[in-house]
Amino acid sequence: MKAVAKIPTSELMTSGHLACQGCGATQAMRFALKALGPKTALVIPACCWSVIDGPFPHSSLKVPILHTAFEAAASTASGLKAGLEMRGDTETVVLAWAGDGGTFDIGIQALSGAAERNEDVIYCCYDNEAYMNTGIQRSSSTPIGAWTTTTPGAHWKRRPKKKMIDIMAAHSIPYIATASVAYPQDLIEKFKRARQFKGTRFLHVFAPCPTGWKLAPELSVAMARQAVTAKVFPLLEVTDDGKTWKIWKDFEPSPIKDYLMAQGRFRHLGEEDLRWVEEETEKYWQYLLSRERLSQAVPGLDAE
């Protein structure tokens, strides 16, 4: 990952949005629209951003928005793109913008269908790792060890985060990437790169939620950066229809314990639990490196 361009000065998000202090999802939207520009049409299902945008008829965004049902972001985006093309509009980018609940769980059926058809849309999951808008309930994107209102006390989450990148790569779509609000230039460049492809493009953006993570708002960006350096949220790209993997490794690793203990949602973990989370994190990191090595050793051959 390289800082190859300055952050555009144009703004398509205004003041007056309804986000909490330190909201990573708000930062993600601001950077994404800087990358894609005014010729963008948004599809937003039920999620934090369906509230953040502002009450009808007002909006904090300077692009058209179509709000849709929780499970329907990808299918609605597909229909919107088809309608625009029937009108002769081939320039407008259709961006489905959904949280992890509407992507990993409730919306995965529509997303899988759109990806299998290779619909010409960009789908972004801004990931705050729980159902934050409805009360901090566990999603399949919630990481191992986390407290939520549905995994409280001694019942903290013991299942790993769903491997959404692997799922999308299995659909053989042209472009997949992860990004973090702590690295805005990288995030912007990946959205710009996604725009150059035709077909389904999937971006997974790490977006801290201070409220749900029991984190001081001013630490939001620092946590997003630490998630990358602690290997909790690797930055990567998958191209060549899901076959070529590239992992960003040019950083100084930081202790995962520091990342976890800075957030109230992990402070119930004991030393043995912390070691287990660290081991699981390292296993997935090594798995990603193996995917990268295989794709480079045998071009065009996907990992089994």
C-alpha atoms as a PDB file:
ATOM      1  CA  MET A   1       0.000   0.000   0.000  1.00  0.00           C
ATOM      2  CA  LYS A   2       1.394   3.397  -1.004  1.00  0.00           C
ATOM      3  CA  ALA A   3       0.142   6.942  -0.521  1.00  0.00           C
ATOM      4  CA  VAL A   4       0.100   7.591  -4.262  1.00  0.00           C
ATOM      5  CA  ALA A   5      -2.219  10.590  -4.415  1.00  0.00           C
ATOM      6  CA  LYS A   6      -3.429  13.483  -2.357  1.00  0.00           C
ATOM      7  CA  ILE A   7      -6.903  13.330  -0.868  1.00  0.00           C
ATOM      8  CA  PRO A   8      -9.317  15.227  -3.160  1.00  0.00           C
ATOM      9  CA  THR A   9     -10.517  18.525  -1.723  1.00  0.00           C
ATOM     10  CA  SER A  10     -14.030  18.229  -3.147  1.00  0.00           C
ATOM     11  CA  GLU A  11     -16.749  17.315  -0.662  1.00  0.00           C
ATOM     12  CA  LEU A  12     -19.939  15.392  -1.407  1.00  0.00           C
ATOM     13  CA  MET A  13     -20.846  15.021   2.285  1.00  0.00           C
ATOM     14  CA  THR A  14     -21.984  18.075   4.194  1.00  0.00           C
ATOM     15  CA  SER A  15     -22.388  18.987   7.833  1.00  0.00           C
ATOM     16  CA  GLY A  16     -25.658  18.081   9.496  1.00  0.00           C
ATOM     17  CA  HIS A  17     -25.355  14.295   9.409  1.00  0.00           C
ATOM     18  CA  LEU A  18     -26.611  12.365  12.433  1.00  0.00           C
ATOM     19  CA  ALA A  19     -23.628  10.128  13.227  1.00  0.00           C
ATOM     20  CA  CYS A  20     -22.169   9.582  16.675  1.00  0.00           C
ATOM     21  CA  GLN A  21     -18.835  11.184  17.528  1.00  0.00           C
ATOM     22  CA  GLY A  22     -15.905   9.270  16.060  1.00  0.00           C
ATOM     23  CA  CYS A  23     -18.094   7.240  13.698  1.00  0.00           C
ATOM     24  CA  GLY A  24     -15.901   5.306  11.274  1.00  0.00           C
ATOM     25  CA  ALA A  25     -18.788   4.721   8.875  1.00  0.00           C
ATOM     26  CA  THR A  26     -19.131   8.457   8.329  1.00  0.00           C
ATOM     27  CA  GLN A  27     -15.450   8.820   7.517  1.00  0.00           C
ATOM     28  CA  ALA A  28     -15.708   5.872   5.115  1.00  0.00           C
ATOM     29  CA  MET A  29     -18.582   7.466   3.190  1.00  0.00           C
ATOM     30  CA  ARG A  30     -16.789  10.793   2.927  1.00  0.00           C
ATOM     31  CA  PHE A  31     -13.668   9.183   1.436  1.00  0.00           C
ATOM     32  CA  ALA A  32     -15.618   6.854  -0.879  1.00  0.00           C
ATOM     33  CA  LEU A  33     -17.551   9.746  -2.423  1.00  0.00           C
ATOM     34  CA  LYS A  34     -14.346  11.739  -2.854  1.00  0.00           C
ATOM     35  CA  ALA A  35     -13.072   8.808  -4.932  1.00  0.00           C
ATOM     36  CA  LEU A  36     -16.195   8.145  -6.985  1.00  0.00           C
ATOM     37  CA  GLY A  37     -17.354  11.724  -7.545  1.00  0.00           C
ATOM     38  CA  PRO A  38     -20.773  13.287  -8.190  1.00  0.00           C
ATOM     39  CA  LYS A  39     -21.803  10.770 -10.855  1.00  0.00           C
ATOM     40  CA  THR A  40     -22.711   8.291  -8.107  1.00  0.00           C
ATOM     41  CA  ALA A  41     -26.072   6.888  -7.076  1.00  0.00           C
ATOM     42  CA  LEU A  42     -26.299   5.331  -3.619  1.00  0.00           C
ATOM     43  CA  VAL A  43     -28.408   2.405  -2.477  1.00  0.00           C
ATOM     44  CA  ILE A  44     -28.627   2.195   1.315  1.00  0.00           C
ATOM     45  CA  PRO A  45     -30.524  -0.554   3.166  1.00  0.00           C
ATOM     46  CA  ALA A  46     -31.493  -0.440   6.837  1.00  0.00           C
ATOM     47  CA  CYS A  47     -28.284   0.316   8.734  1.00  0.00           C
ATOM     48  CA  CYS A  48     -26.632   3.165  10.640  1.00  0.00           C
ATOM     49  CA  TRP A  49     -26.275   5.118   7.415  1.00  0.00           C
ATOM     50  CA  SER A  50     -30.005   5.066   6.755  1.00  0.00           C
ATOM     51  CA  VAL A  51     -30.185   7.280   9.863  1.00  0.00           C
ATOM     52  CA  ILE A  52     -26.882   9.168   9.501  1.00  0.00           C
ATOM     53  CA  ASP A  53     -27.969  10.588   6.140  1.00  0.00           C
ATOM     54  CA  GLY A  54     -30.655  12.710   7.830  1.00  0.00           C
ATOM     55  CA  PRO A  55     -34.452  12.856   8.010  1.00  0.00           C
ATOM     56  CA  PHE A  56     -36.435  13.084   4.762  1.00  0.00           C
ATOM     57  CA  PRO A  57     -36.493  15.347   2.777  1.00  0.00           C
ATOM     58  CA  HIS A  58     -33.067  16.489   3.996  1.00  0.00           C
ATOM     59  CA  SER A  59     -29.777  14.762   3.238  1.00  0.00           C
ATOM     60  CA  SER A  60     -26.149  15.250   4.242  1.00  0.00           C
ATOM     61  CA  LEU A  61     -24.995  13.835   0.888  1.00  0.00           C
ATOM     62  CA  LYS A  62     -24.885  15.587  -2.480  1.00  0.00           C
ATOM     63  CA  VAL A  63     -25.708  12.464  -4.502  1.00  0.00           C
ATOM     64  CA  PRO A  64     -29.039  10.691  -5.049  1.00  0.00           C
ATOM     65  CA  ILE A  65     -29.949   7.998  -2.521  1.00  0.00           C
ATOM     66  CA  LEU A  66     -32.391   5.108  -2.776  1.00  0.00           C
ATOM     67  CA  HIS A  67     -33.232   3.644   0.618  1.00  0.00           C
ATOM     68  CA  THR A  68     -34.251   0.000   0.530  1.00  0.00           C
ATOM     69  CA  ALA A  69     -35.064  -2.976   2.750  1.00  0.00           C
ATOM     70  CA  PHE A  70     -32.406  -4.552   4.970  1.00  0.00           C
ATOM     71  CA  GLU A  71     -31.910  -7.609   2.761  1.00  0.00           C
ATOM     72  CA  ALA A  72     -32.133  -5.922  -0.628  1.00  0.00           C
ATOM     73  CA  ALA A  73     -29.102  -3.657  -1.173  1.00  0.00           C
ATOM     74  CA  ALA A  74     -27.478  -5.709  -3.944  1.00  0.00           C
ATOM     75  CA  SER A  75     -30.690  -6.570  -5.792  1.00  0.00           C
ATOM     76  CA  THR A  76     -31.910  -2.959  -5.628  1.00  0.00           C
ATOM     77  CA  ALA A  77     -28.548  -1.717  -6.884  1.00  0.00           C
ATOM     78  CA  SER A  78     -28.753  -4.216  -9.758  1.00  0.00           C
ATOM     79  CA  GLY A  79     -32.172  -2.916 -10.741  1.00  0.00           C
ATOM     80  CA  LEU A  80     -31.094   0.709 -10.471  1.00  0.00           C
ATOM     81  CA  LYS A  81     -28.097   0.089 -12.720  1.00  0.00           C
ATOM     82  CA  ALA A  82     -30.306  -1.643 -15.300  1.00  0.00           C
ATOM     83  CA  GLY A  83     -32.726   1.281 -15.256  1.00  0.00           C
ATOM     84  CA  LEU A  84     -29.955   3.825 -15.751  1.00  0.00           C
ATOM     85  CA  GLU A  85     -28.563   1.866 -18.688  1.00  0.00           C
ATOM     86  CA  MET A  86     -32.014   1.672 -20.309  1.00  0.00           C
ATOM     87  CA  ARG A  87     -32.078   5.467 -20.158  1.00  0.00           C
ATOM     88  CA  GLY A  88     -28.690   5.600 -21.859  1.00  0.00           C
ATOM     89  CA  ASP A  89     -26.762   6.557 -18.710  1.00  0.00           C
ATOM     90  CA  THR A  90     -23.568   4.513 -18.663  1.00  0.00           C
ATOM     91  CA  GLU A  91     -21.576   7.005 -16.573  1.00  0.00           C
ATOM     92  CA  THR A  92     -23.312   6.905 -13.214  1.00  0.00           C
ATOM     93  CA  VAL A  93     -21.737   4.494 -10.740  1.00  0.00           C
ATOM     94  CA  VAL A  94     -24.234   2.598  -8.582  1.00  0.00           C
ATOM     95  CA  LEU A  95     -22.857   2.081  -5.083  1.00  0.00           C
ATOM     96  CA  ALA A  96     -24.599  -0.250  -2.636  1.00  0.00           C
ATOM     97  CA  TRP A  97     -23.597   0.841   0.873  1.00  0.00           C
ATOM     98  CA  ALA A  98     -24.452  -1.600   3.666  1.00  0.00           C
ATOM     99  CA  GLY A  99     -23.263  -2.521   7.137  1.00  0.00           C
ATOM    100  CA  ASP A 100     -21.963  -5.907   8.195  1.00  0.00           C
ATOM    101  CA  GLY A 101     -25.400  -7.088   9.307  1.00  0.00           C
ATOM    102  CA  GLY A 102     -26.868  -6.245   5.906  1.00  0.00           C
ATOM    103  CA  THR A 103     -23.919  -7.860   4.121  1.00  0.00           C
ATOM    104  CA  PHE A 104     -22.563 -10.830   6.100  1.00  0.00           C
ATOM    105  CA  ASP A 105     -26.008 -11.914   7.327  1.00  0.00           C
ATOM    106  CA  ILE A 106     -29.321 -10.518   6.120  1.00  0.00           C
ATOM    107  CA  GLY A 107     -28.188  -9.349   2.681  1.00  0.00           C
ATOM    108  CA  ILE A 108     -25.825 -12.133   1.683  1.00  0.00           C
ATOM    109  CA  GLN A 109     -28.428 -13.867  -0.502  1.00  0.00           C
ATOM    110  CA  ALA A 110     -28.954 -10.791  -2.695  1.00  0.00           C
ATOM    111  CA  LEU A 111     -25.231 -10.047  -2.753  1.00  0.00           C
ATOM    112  CA  SER A 112     -24.400 -13.599  -3.806  1.00  0.00           C
ATOM    113  CA  GLY A 113     -27.005 -13.448  -6.559  1.00  0.00           C
ATOM    114  CA  ALA A 114     -25.711 -10.138  -7.885  1.00  0.00           C
ATOM    115  CA  ALA A 115     -22.110 -11.379  -7.781  1.00  0.00           C
ATOM    116  CA  GLU A 116     -23.012 -14.642  -9.553  1.00  0.00           C
ATOM    117  CA  ARG A 117     -24.633 -12.576 -12.327  1.00  0.00           C
ATOM    118  CA  ASN A 118     -21.649 -10.181 -12.216  1.00  0.00           C
ATOM    119  CA  GLU A 119     -23.928  -7.155 -12.028  1.00  0.00           C
ATOM    120  CA  ASP A 120     -22.143  -3.903 -12.848  1.00  0.00           C
ATOM    121  CA  VAL A 121     -22.288  -2.335  -9.381  1.00  0.00           C
ATOM    122  CA  ILE A 122     -19.906  -1.505  -6.564  1.00  0.00           C
ATOM    123  CA  TYR A 123     -20.897  -3.034  -3.238  1.00  0.00           C
ATOM    124  CA  CYS A 124     -19.312  -1.640  -0.086  1.00  0.00           C
ATOM    125  CA  CYS A 125     -19.656  -3.166   3.347  1.00  0.00           C
ATOM    126  CA  TYR A 126     -18.680  -0.684   6.049  1.00  0.00           C
ATOM    127  CA  ASP A 127     -17.874  -3.026   8.889  1.00  0.00           C
ATOM    128  CA  ASN A 128     -18.366  -1.961  12.509  1.00  0.00           C
ATOM    129  CA  GLU A 129     -18.596  -5.597  13.581  1.00  0.00           C
ATOM    130  CA  ALA A 130     -22.121  -5.735  15.035  1.00  0.00           C
ATOM    131  CA  TYR A 131     -25.703  -4.562  14.523  1.00  0.00           C
ATOM    132  CA  MET A 132     -24.926  -1.124  15.935  1.00  0.00           C
ATOM    133  CA  ASN A 133     -28.049   0.686  14.751  1.00  0.00           C
ATOM    134  CA  THR A 134     -30.417  -1.654  16.609  1.00  0.00           C
ATOM    135  CA  GLY A 135     -28.600  -2.149  19.892  1.00  0.00           C
ATOM    136  CA  ILE A 136     -25.125  -3.702  19.412  1.00  0.00           C
ATOM    137  CA  GLN A 137     -26.220  -7.270  18.665  1.00  0.00           C
ATOM    138  CA  ARG A 138     -23.783  -9.925  17.424  1.00  0.00           C
ATOM    139  CA  SER A 139     -23.364 -10.358  13.666  1.00  0.00           C
ATOM    140  CA  SER A 140     -21.312 -12.953  11.816  1.00  0.00           C
ATOM    141  CA  SER A 141     -18.738 -10.190  11.374  1.00  0.00           C
ATOM    142  CA  THR A 142     -18.326  -9.786  15.143  1.00  0.00           C
ATOM    143  CA  PRO A 143     -14.797 -10.972  16.024  1.00  0.00           C
ATOM    144  CA  ILE A 144     -13.808 -13.716  18.453  1.00  0.00           C
ATOM    145  CA  GLY A 145     -13.861 -12.543  22.057  1.00  0.00           C
ATOM    146  CA  ALA A 146     -16.210  -9.603  21.630  1.00  0.00           C
ATOM    147  CA  TRP A 147     -18.957  -8.553  24.000  1.00  0.00           C
ATOM    148  CA  THR A 148     -22.288  -7.593  22.460  1.00  0.00           C
ATOM    149  CA  THR A 149     -25.767  -7.329  23.952  1.00  0.00           C
ATOM    150  CA  THR A 150     -26.504 -10.807  22.607  1.00  0.00           C
ATOM    151  CA  THR A 151     -23.128 -12.223  23.698  1.00  0.00           C
ATOM    152  CA  PRO A 152     -22.875 -10.689  27.194  1.00  0.00           C
ATOM    153  CA  GLY A 153     -20.807 -11.547  30.231  1.00  0.00           C
ATOM    154  CA  ALA A 154     -19.364 -15.056  30.147  1.00  0.00           C
ATOM    155  CA  HIS A 155     -21.096 -15.715  26.818  1.00  0.00           C
ATOM    156  CA  TRP A 156     -18.773 -13.626  24.638  1.00  0.00           C
ATOM    157  CA  LYS A 157     -18.443 -14.614  20.993  1.00  0.00           C
ATOM    158  CA  ARG A 158     -16.341 -17.722  20.415  1.00  0.00           C
ATOM    159  CA  ARG A 159     -16.869 -18.216  16.704  1.00  0.00           C
ATOM    160  CA  PRO A 160     -14.513 -16.608  14.154  1.00  0.00           C
ATOM    161  CA  LYS A 161     -15.501 -13.751  11.915  1.00  0.00           C
ATOM    162  CA  LYS A 162     -17.049 -14.945   8.659  1.00  0.00           C
ATOM    163  CA  LYS A 163     -14.472 -14.986   5.838  1.00  0.00           C
ATOM    164  CA  MET A 164     -16.398 -12.678   3.546  1.00  0.00           C
ATOM    165  CA  ILE A 165     -13.472 -11.996   1.235  1.00  0.00           C
ATOM    166  CA  ASP A 166     -13.127 -15.725   0.550  1.00  0.00           C
ATOM    167  CA  ILE A 167     -16.861 -15.970  -0.126  1.00  0.00           C
ATOM    168  CA  MET A 168     -16.752 -13.123  -2.628  1.00  0.00           C
ATOM    169  CA  ALA A 169     -13.592 -14.475  -4.275  1.00  0.00           C
ATOM    170  CA  ALA A 170     -15.429 -17.752  -4.839  1.00  0.00           C
ATOM    171  CA  HIS A 171     -17.871 -15.817  -7.060  1.00  0.00           C
ATOM    172  CA  SER A 172     -15.049 -14.975  -9.522  1.00  0.00           C
ATOM    173  CA  ILE A 173     -15.817 -11.253  -9.587  1.00  0.00           C
ATOM    174  CA  PRO A 174     -13.283  -8.817 -11.084  1.00  0.00           C
ATOM    175  CA  TYR A 175     -12.266  -6.764  -8.038  1.00  0.00           C
ATOM    176  CA  ILE A 176     -12.273  -7.243  -4.253  1.00  0.00           C
ATOM    177  CA  ALA A 177     -10.459  -5.126  -1.677  1.00  0.00           C
ATOM    178  CA  THR A 178     -10.313  -4.332   2.003  1.00  0.00           C
ATOM    179  CA  ALA A 179      -9.642  -0.812   3.277  1.00  0.00           C
ATOM    180  CA  SER A 180      -9.556   1.120   6.529  1.00  0.00           C
ATOM    181  CA  VAL A 181     -10.599   4.650   7.450  1.00  0.00           C
ATOM    182  CA  ALA A 182      -7.167   4.987   9.114  1.00  0.00           C
ATOM    183  CA  TYR A 183      -5.547   4.853   5.663  1.00  0.00           C
ATOM    184  CA  PRO A 184      -7.655   7.294   3.622  1.00  0.00           C
ATOM    185  CA  GLN A 185      -5.360   7.509   0.599  1.00  0.00           C
ATOM    186  CA  ASP A 186      -5.365   3.737   0.241  1.00  0.00           C
ATOM    187  CA  LEU A 187      -9.150   3.655   0.654  1.00  0.00           C
ATOM    188  CA  ILE A 188      -9.654   6.356  -1.980  1.00  0.00           C
ATOM    189  CA  GLU A 189      -7.292   4.676  -4.437  1.00  0.00           C
ATOM    190  CA  LYS A 190      -9.113   1.357  -4.058  1.00  0.00           C
ATOM    191  CA  PHE A 191     -12.491   2.937  -4.780  1.00  0.00           C
ATOM    192  CA  LYS A 192     -10.987   4.663  -7.821  1.00  0.00           C
ATOM    193  CA  ARG A 193      -9.538   1.340  -8.956  1.00  0.00           C
ATOM    194  CA  ALA A 194     -12.881  -0.386  -8.435  1.00  0.00           C
ATOM    195  CA  ARG A 195     -14.544   2.154 -10.706  1.00  0.00           C
ATOM    196  CA  GLN A 196     -12.292   1.105 -13.592  1.00  0.00           C
ATOM    197  CA  PHE A 197     -13.662  -2.451 -13.627  1.00  0.00           C
ATOM    198  CA  LYS A 198     -16.942  -3.617 -15.122  1.00  0.00           C
ATOM    199  CA  GLY A 199     -18.947  -6.139 -13.145  1.00  0.00           C
ATOM    200  CA  THR A 200     -19.452  -6.692  -9.435  1.00  0.00           C
ATOM    201  CA  ARG A 201     -16.837  -5.060  -7.252  1.00  0.00           C
ATOM    202  CA  PHE A 202     -16.753  -5.650  -3.502  1.00  0.00           C
ATOM    203  CA  LEU A 203     -15.045  -3.407  -0.952  1.00  0.00           C
ATOM    204  CA  HIS A 204     -14.856  -4.252   2.735  1.00  0.00           C
ATOM    205  CA  VAL A 205     -14.104  -1.145   4.811  1.00  0.00           C
ATOM    206  CA  PHE A 206     -13.127  -1.264   8.485  1.00  0.00           C
ATOM    207  CA  ALA A 207     -15.182   1.381  10.298  1.00  0.00           C
ATOM    208  CA  PRO A 208     -14.901   1.577  14.113  1.00  0.00           C
ATOM    209  CA  CYS A 209     -17.998   2.265  16.210  1.00  0.00           C
ATOM    210  CA  PRO A 210     -16.939   3.950  19.478  1.00  0.00           C
ATOM    211  CA  THR A 211     -20.403   3.439  20.973  1.00  0.00           C
ATOM    212  CA  GLY A 212     -20.568  -0.300  20.316  1.00  0.00           C
ATOM    213  CA  TRP A 213     -16.892  -0.911  20.992  1.00  0.00           C
ATOM    214  CA  LYS A 214     -16.904   0.994  24.318  1.00  0.00           C
ATOM    215  CA  LEU A 215     -14.164   3.202  22.968  1.00  0.00           C
ATOM    216  CA  ALA A 216     -13.402   6.900  23.398  1.00  0.00           C
ATOM    217  CA  PRO A 217     -14.483   8.652  20.144  1.00  0.00           C
ATOM    218  CA  GLU A 218     -11.112  10.362  19.703  1.00  0.00           C
ATOM    219  CA  LEU A 219      -9.466   6.919  19.470  1.00  0.00           C
ATOM    220  CA  SER A 220     -11.522   5.757  16.499  1.00  0.00           C
ATOM    221  CA  VAL A 221      -8.869   6.290  13.815  1.00  0.00           C
ATOM    222  CA  ALA A 222      -6.090   5.009  16.076  1.00  0.00           C
ATOM    223  CA  MET A 223      -8.037   1.757  16.609  1.00  0.00           C
ATOM    224  CA  ALA A 224      -8.601   1.395  12.868  1.00  0.00           C
ATOM    225  CA  ARG A 225      -4.867   1.765  12.306  1.00  0.00           C
ATOM    226  CA  GLN A 226      -4.022  -0.636  15.106  1.00  0.00           C
ATOM    227  CA  ALA A 227      -6.416  -3.240  13.705  1.00  0.00           C
ATOM    228  CA  VAL A 228      -4.267  -3.329  10.578  1.00  0.00           C
ATOM    229  CA  THR A 229      -0.879  -3.429  12.318  1.00  0.00           C
ATOM    230  CA  ALA A 230      -2.103  -6.085  14.780  1.00  0.00           C
ATOM    231  CA  LYS A 231      -3.192  -8.191  11.744  1.00  0.00           C
ATOM    232  CA  VAL A 232      -6.815  -8.149  12.915  1.00  0.00           C
ATOM    233  CA  PHE A 233      -7.958  -6.497   9.673  1.00  0.00           C
ATOM    234  CA  PRO A 234      -5.464  -7.127   6.838  1.00  0.00           C
ATOM    235  CA  LEU A 235      -5.452  -4.781   3.863  1.00  0.00           C
ATOM    236  CA  LEU A 236      -5.561  -6.679   0.584  1.00  0.00           C
ATOM    237  CA  GLU A 237      -6.746  -6.824  -3.004  1.00  0.00           C
ATOM    238  CA  VAL A 238      -8.092  -9.785  -4.963  1.00  0.00           C
ATOM    239  CA  THR A 239      -8.134  -9.485  -8.741  1.00  0.00           C
ATOM    240  CA  ASP A 240      -8.124 -11.723 -11.829  1.00  0.00           C
ATOM    241  CA  ASP A 241     -11.634 -13.022 -11.062  1.00  0.00           C
ATOM    242  CA  GLY A 242     -10.748 -14.038  -7.531  1.00  0.00           C
ATOM    243  CA  LYS A 243      -7.463 -15.754  -8.360  1.00  0.00           C
ATOM    244  CA  THR A 244      -4.730 -13.211  -7.616  1.00  0.00           C
ATOM    245  CA  TRP A 245      -4.283 -12.135  -3.989  1.00  0.00           C
ATOM    246  CA  LYS A 246      -2.062  -9.297  -2.780  1.00  0.00           C
ATOM    247  CA  ILE A 247      -1.627  -8.638   0.955  1.00  0.00           C
ATOM    248  CA  TRP A 248      -0.133  -5.431   2.364  1.00  0.00           C
ATOM    249  CA  LYS A 249       2.735  -6.364   4.673  1.00  0.00           C
ATOM    250  CA  ASP A 250       4.835  -3.182   4.798  1.00  0.00           C
ATOM    251  CA  PHE A 251       4.107  -2.176   8.389  1.00  0.00           C
ATOM    252  CA  GLU A 252       5.571  -2.598  11.856  1.00  0.00           C
ATOM    253  CA  PRO A 253       3.425  -5.240  13.649  1.00  0.00           C
ATOM    254  CA  SER A 254       1.842  -4.181  16.940  1.00  0.00           C
ATOM    255  CA  PRO A 255       0.657  -6.402  19.840  1.00  0.00           C
ATOM    256  CA  ILE A 256      -2.900  -7.611  19.453  1.00  0.00           C
ATOM    257  CA  LYS A 257      -3.337  -7.340  23.230  1.00  0.00           C
ATOM    258  CA  ASP A 258      -2.913  -3.552  23.042  1.00  0.00           C
ATOM    259  CA  TYR A 259      -5.630  -3.388  20.387  1.00  0.00           C
ATOM    260  CA  LEU A 260      -8.058  -5.560  22.338  1.00  0.00           C
ATOM    261  CA  MET A 261      -7.544  -4.012  25.765  1.00  0.00           C
ATOM    262  CA  ALA A 262      -8.141  -0.487  24.454  1.00  0.00           C
ATOM    263  CA  GLN A 263     -11.795  -1.445  23.842  1.00  0.00           C
ATOM    264  CA  GLY A 264     -14.370  -2.165  26.507  1.00  0.00           C
ATOM    265  CA  ARG A 265     -15.906  -4.946  24.438  1.00  0.00           C
ATOM    266  CA  PHE A 266     -12.795  -7.111  25.027  1.00  0.00           C
ATOM    267  CA  ARG A 267     -11.844  -6.244  28.604  1.00  0.00           C
ATOM    268  CA  HIS A 268     -13.496  -9.354  30.053  1.00  0.00           C
ATOM    269  CA  LEU A 269     -10.874 -11.554  28.362  1.00  0.00           C
ATOM    270  CA  GLY A 270      -8.266 -13.259  30.558  1.00  0.00           C
ATOM    271  CA  GLU A 271      -4.665 -13.972  29.596  1.00  0.00           C
ATOM    272  CA  GLU A 272      -5.495 -17.425  28.240  1.00  0.00           C
ATOM    273  CA  ASP A 273      -8.351 -16.003  26.186  1.00  0.00           C
ATOM    274  CA  LEU A 274      -6.079 -13.293  24.787  1.00  0.00           C
ATOM    275  CA  ARG A 275      -3.521 -15.882  23.708  1.00  0.00           C
ATOM    276  CA  TRP A 276      -6.240 -17.865  21.961  1.00  0.00           C
ATOM    277  CA  VAL A 277      -7.469 -14.798  20.064  1.00  0.00           C
ATOM    278  CA  GLU A 278      -3.882 -14.000  19.104  1.00  0.00           C
ATOM    279  CA  GLU A 279      -3.329 -17.550  17.824  1.00  0.00           C
ATOM    280  CA  GLU A 280      -6.525 -17.470  15.747  1.00  0.00           C
ATOM    281  CA  THR A 281      -5.572 -14.087  14.304  1.00  0.00           C
ATOM    282  CA  GLU A 282      -2.130 -15.340  13.319  1.00  0.00           C
ATOM    283  CA  LYS A 283      -3.629 -18.464  11.723  1.00  0.00           C
ATOM    284  CA  TYR A 284      -5.788 -16.345   9.428  1.00  0.00           C
ATOM    285  CA  TRP A 285      -2.870 -14.051   8.602  1.00  0.00           C
ATOM    286  CA  GLN A 286      -0.771 -17.064   7.585  1.00  0.00           C
ATOM    287  CA  TYR A 287      -3.699 -18.377   5.535  1.00  0.00           C
ATOM    288  CA  LEU A 288      -3.845 -15.092   3.610  1.00  0.00           C
ATOM    289  CA  LEU A 289      -0.110 -15.211   2.976  1.00  0.00           C
ATOM    290  CA  SER A 290      -0.494 -18.746   1.637  1.00  0.00           C
ATOM    291  CA  ARG A 291      -3.214 -17.548  -0.766  1.00  0.00           C
ATOM    292  CA  GLU A 292      -0.909 -14.804  -1.970  1.00  0.00           C
ATOM    293  CA  ARG A 293       2.044 -17.177  -2.431  1.00  0.00           C
ATOM    294  CA  LEU A 294      -0.027 -19.686  -4.366  1.00  0.00           C
ATOM    295  CA  SER A 295      -1.509 -17.052  -6.672  1.00  0.00           C
ATOM    296  CA  GLN A 296       1.979 -15.731  -7.437  1.00  0.00           C
ATOM    297  CA  ALA A 297       3.592 -19.144  -7.846  1.00  0.00           C
ATOM    298  CA  VAL A 298       0.946 -20.429 -10.242  1.00  0.00           C
ATOM    299  CA  PRO A 299      -0.707 -17.448 -12.009  1.00  0.00           C
ATOM    300  CA  GLY A 300      -4.411 -17.993 -12.546  1.00  0.00           C
ATOM    301  CA  LEU A 301      -4.619 -20.914 -10.106  1.00  0.00           C
ATOM    302  CA  ASP A 302      -6.927 -20.334  -7.149  1.00  0.00           C
ATOM    303  CA  ALA A 303      -6.163 -21.812  -3.720  1.00  0.00           C
ATOM    304  CA  GLU A 304      -8.069 -24.905  -2.795  1.00  0.00           C
END
